[in-house]
Every structure is written in structure tokens, then in C-alpha cells.
């Protein structure tokens, strides 16, 4: 007889999870800025490949964060990544 495989507990999608996603997005923003400013590459294709990889990961996190906000998860505006604050300020001013 096989033992039943225990199911993974679902990750709670609450304000603390959203805050950690915002922190990860901010980390990727800083990694991308560092890559643009300081990182040396053998060719422009290598640079674009590394940048696209970081941008893809960041886009995935950003989509998850936007979905959580759309689902009504609370968040503190101070916890938003800097890139989100800049876009929120321009949309609020317009």
C-alpha cells in the first residue's frame, strides 16, 4: 500500500505576502539598475540576455502583486517598491 502524499499547504495571500513580493520587486529594481550602471559584459547580447532574465522575473512578481491588490489585499503605501511609487504618483497627478 502506498502512503498518501501530503499536499503542500497553500501560501497565504495576505498583506504580509504582498509586502514580501513588494520587497522582492524592489530588489529586482536595484539589480537591474546595478546591471545597467556597473556590470561589464563581453557583448551587448550578453547584457540584453541578463537584463531580460531579470525583467522577466520582475514582471512575474509585479503581475502577482497587482493581482493581489485587485483581489482586495490590504497594503501600506510605504511598502510599495520605488518603481510602483513613481508610477502611482504620475497616475495620481494626471
C-alpha atoms as a PDB file:
ATOM      1  CA  UNK A   1       0.000   0.000   0.000  1.00  0.00           C
ATOM      2  CA  UNK A   2       1.215   3.453  -0.856  1.00  0.00           C
ATOM      3  CA  UNK A   3       1.223   6.196   1.688  1.00  0.00           C
ATOM      4  CA  UNK A   4      -0.819   9.223   0.680  1.00  0.00           C
ATOM      5  CA  UNK A   5       1.386  12.069  -0.443  1.00  0.00           C
ATOM      6  CA  UNK A   6       0.854  15.054   1.832  1.00  0.00           C
ATOM      7  CA  UNK A   7      -0.376  18.079  -0.055  1.00  0.00           C
ATOM      8  CA  UNK A   8       1.522  21.330   0.252  1.00  0.00           C
ATOM      9  CA  UNK A   9      -0.225  23.958   2.268  1.00  0.00           C
ATOM     10  CA  UNK A  10      -1.311  26.867   0.101  1.00  0.00           C
ATOM     11  CA  UNK A  11       0.662  30.053   0.581  1.00  0.00           C
ATOM     12  CA  UNK A  12      -1.476  32.571   2.434  1.00  0.00           C
ATOM     13  CA  UNK A  13      -2.184  35.505   0.157  1.00  0.00           C
ATOM     14  CA  UNK A  14      -2.391  38.199   2.796  1.00  0.00           C
ATOM     15  CA  UNK A  15      -0.858  41.619   3.379  1.00  0.00           C
ATOM     16  CA  UNK A  16       2.401  40.095   4.638  1.00  0.00           C
ATOM     17  CA  UNK A  17       2.791  38.005   1.485  1.00  0.00           C
ATOM     18  CA  UNK A  18       2.126  41.120  -0.616  1.00  0.00           C
ATOM     19  CA  UNK A  19       4.716  43.075   1.380  1.00  0.00           C
ATOM     20  CA  UNK A  20       7.337  40.377   0.727  1.00  0.00           C
ATOM     21  CA  UNK A  21       6.509  40.467  -3.003  1.00  0.00           C
ATOM     22  CA  UNK A  22       6.921  44.253  -2.975  1.00  0.00           C
ATOM     23  CA  UNK A  23      10.322  43.819  -1.296  1.00  0.00           C
ATOM     24  CA  UNK A  24      11.378  41.305  -3.968  1.00  0.00           C
ATOM     25  CA  UNK A  25      10.284  43.672  -6.752  1.00  0.00           C
ATOM     26  CA  UNK A  26      12.347  46.438  -5.163  1.00  0.00           C
ATOM     27  CA  UNK A  27      15.329  44.058  -5.017  1.00  0.00           C
ATOM     28  CA  UNK A  28      14.975  43.278  -8.738  1.00  0.00           C
ATOM     29  CA  UNK A  29      14.708  47.012  -9.495  1.00  0.00           C
ATOM     30  CA  UNK A  30      18.027  47.533  -7.707  1.00  0.00           C
ATOM     31  CA  UNK A  31      19.618  44.564  -9.506  1.00  0.00           C
ATOM     32  CA  UNK A  32      18.529  45.962 -12.873  1.00  0.00           C
ATOM     33  CA  UNK A  33      19.875  49.424 -12.003  1.00  0.00           C
ATOM     34  CA  UNK A  34      23.194  47.893 -10.916  1.00  0.00           C
ATOM     35  CA  UNK A  35      23.367  45.869 -14.110  1.00  0.00           C
ATOM     36  CA  UNK A  36      22.798  48.984 -16.228  1.00  0.00           C
ATOM     37  CA  UNK A  37      25.320  51.108 -14.374  1.00  0.00           C
ATOM     38  CA  UNK A  38      28.188  48.886 -13.229  1.00  0.00           C
ATOM     39  CA  UNK A  39      28.107  45.403 -14.734  1.00  0.00           C
ATOM     40  CA  UNK A  40      30.605  44.638 -17.517  1.00  0.00           C
ATOM     41  CA  UNK A  41      29.645  42.251 -20.345  1.00  0.00           C
ATOM     42  CA  UNK A  42      31.547  40.797 -23.278  1.00  0.00           C
ATOM     43  CA  UNK A  43      28.841  41.827 -25.735  1.00  0.00           C
ATOM     44  CA  UNK A  44      25.602  43.750 -25.868  1.00  0.00           C
ATOM     45  CA  UNK A  45      23.773  40.466 -26.462  1.00  0.00           C
ATOM     46  CA  UNK A  46      25.019  39.141 -23.123  1.00  0.00           C
ATOM     47  CA  UNK A  47      23.862  42.329 -21.412  1.00  0.00           C
ATOM     48  CA  UNK A  48      20.421  42.126 -23.016  1.00  0.00           C
ATOM     49  CA  UNK A  49      20.102  38.457 -22.070  1.00  0.00           C
ATOM     50  CA  UNK A  50      20.909  39.139 -18.418  1.00  0.00           C
ATOM     51  CA  UNK A  51      18.618  42.163 -18.340  1.00  0.00           C
ATOM     52  CA  UNK A  52      15.751  40.267 -19.980  1.00  0.00           C
ATOM     53  CA  UNK A  53      16.085  37.473 -17.424  1.00  0.00           C
ATOM     54  CA  UNK A  54      15.800  39.945 -14.533  1.00  0.00           C
ATOM     55  CA  UNK A  55      12.949  41.811 -16.209  1.00  0.00           C
ATOM     56  CA  UNK A  56      11.007  38.568 -16.727  1.00  0.00           C
ATOM     57  CA  UNK A  57      11.308  37.622 -13.066  1.00  0.00           C
ATOM     58  CA  UNK A  58      10.334  41.137 -12.003  1.00  0.00           C
ATOM     59  CA  UNK A  59       7.340  41.172 -14.367  1.00  0.00           C
ATOM     60  CA  UNK A  60       6.078  37.918 -12.888  1.00  0.00           C
ATOM     61  CA  UNK A  61       6.293  39.338  -9.370  1.00  0.00           C
ATOM     62  CA  UNK A  62       4.669  42.600 -10.436  1.00  0.00           C
ATOM     63  CA  UNK A  63       1.748  40.739 -12.010  1.00  0.00           C
ATOM     64  CA  UNK A  64       1.246  38.718  -8.816  1.00  0.00           C
ATOM     65  CA  UNK A  65       1.333  41.906  -6.727  1.00  0.00           C
ATOM     66  CA  UNK A  66      -1.195  43.656  -8.977  1.00  0.00           C
ATOM     67  CA  UNK A  67      -3.484  40.620  -8.837  1.00  0.00           C
ATOM     68  CA  UNK A  68      -3.357  40.565  -5.038  1.00  0.00           C
ATOM     69  CA  UNK A  69      -4.195  44.276  -4.904  1.00  0.00           C
ATOM     70  CA  UNK A  70      -7.070  43.714  -7.345  1.00  0.00           C
ATOM     71  CA  UNK A  71      -8.308  40.889  -5.090  1.00  0.00           C
ATOM     72  CA  UNK A  72      -8.512  43.376  -2.220  1.00  0.00           C
ATOM     73  CA  UNK A  73      -5.424  42.519  -0.188  1.00  0.00           C
ATOM     74  CA  UNK A  74      -4.508  45.428   2.088  1.00  0.00           C
ATOM     75  CA  UNK A  75      -1.129  47.094   1.738  1.00  0.00           C
ATOM     76  CA  UNK A  76       0.722  50.037   3.158  1.00  0.00           C
ATOM     77  CA  UNK A  77       1.789  52.644   0.598  1.00  0.00           C
ATOM     78  CA  UNK A  78       5.173  52.884   2.348  1.00  0.00           C
ATOM     79  CA  UNK A  79       5.802  49.203   1.485  1.00  0.00           C
ATOM     80  CA  UNK A  80       5.448  49.778  -2.258  1.00  0.00           C
ATOM     81  CA  UNK A  81       8.606  49.381  -4.360  1.00  0.00           C
ATOM     82  CA  UNK A  82      10.083  52.662  -5.551  1.00  0.00           C
ATOM     83  CA  UNK A  83       9.151  51.874  -9.143  1.00  0.00           C
ATOM     84  CA  UNK A  84       5.499  51.418  -8.124  1.00  0.00           C
ATOM     85  CA  UNK A  85       5.522  54.666  -6.114  1.00  0.00           C
ATOM     86  CA  UNK A  86       6.780  56.604  -9.132  1.00  0.00           C
ATOM     87  CA  UNK A  87       4.041  55.192 -11.391  1.00  0.00           C
ATOM     88  CA  UNK A  88       1.377  55.758  -8.696  1.00  0.00           C
ATOM     89  CA  UNK A  89       2.461  59.398  -8.292  1.00  0.00           C
ATOM     90  CA  UNK A  90       2.246  60.091 -12.037  1.00  0.00           C
ATOM     91  CA  UNK A  91      -1.172  58.428 -12.334  1.00  0.00           C
ATOM     92  CA  UNK A  92      -2.491  60.331  -9.303  1.00  0.00           C
ATOM     93  CA  UNK A  93      -1.202  63.657 -10.701  1.00  0.00           C
ATOM     94  CA  UNK A  94      -2.824  63.056 -14.105  1.00  0.00           C
END
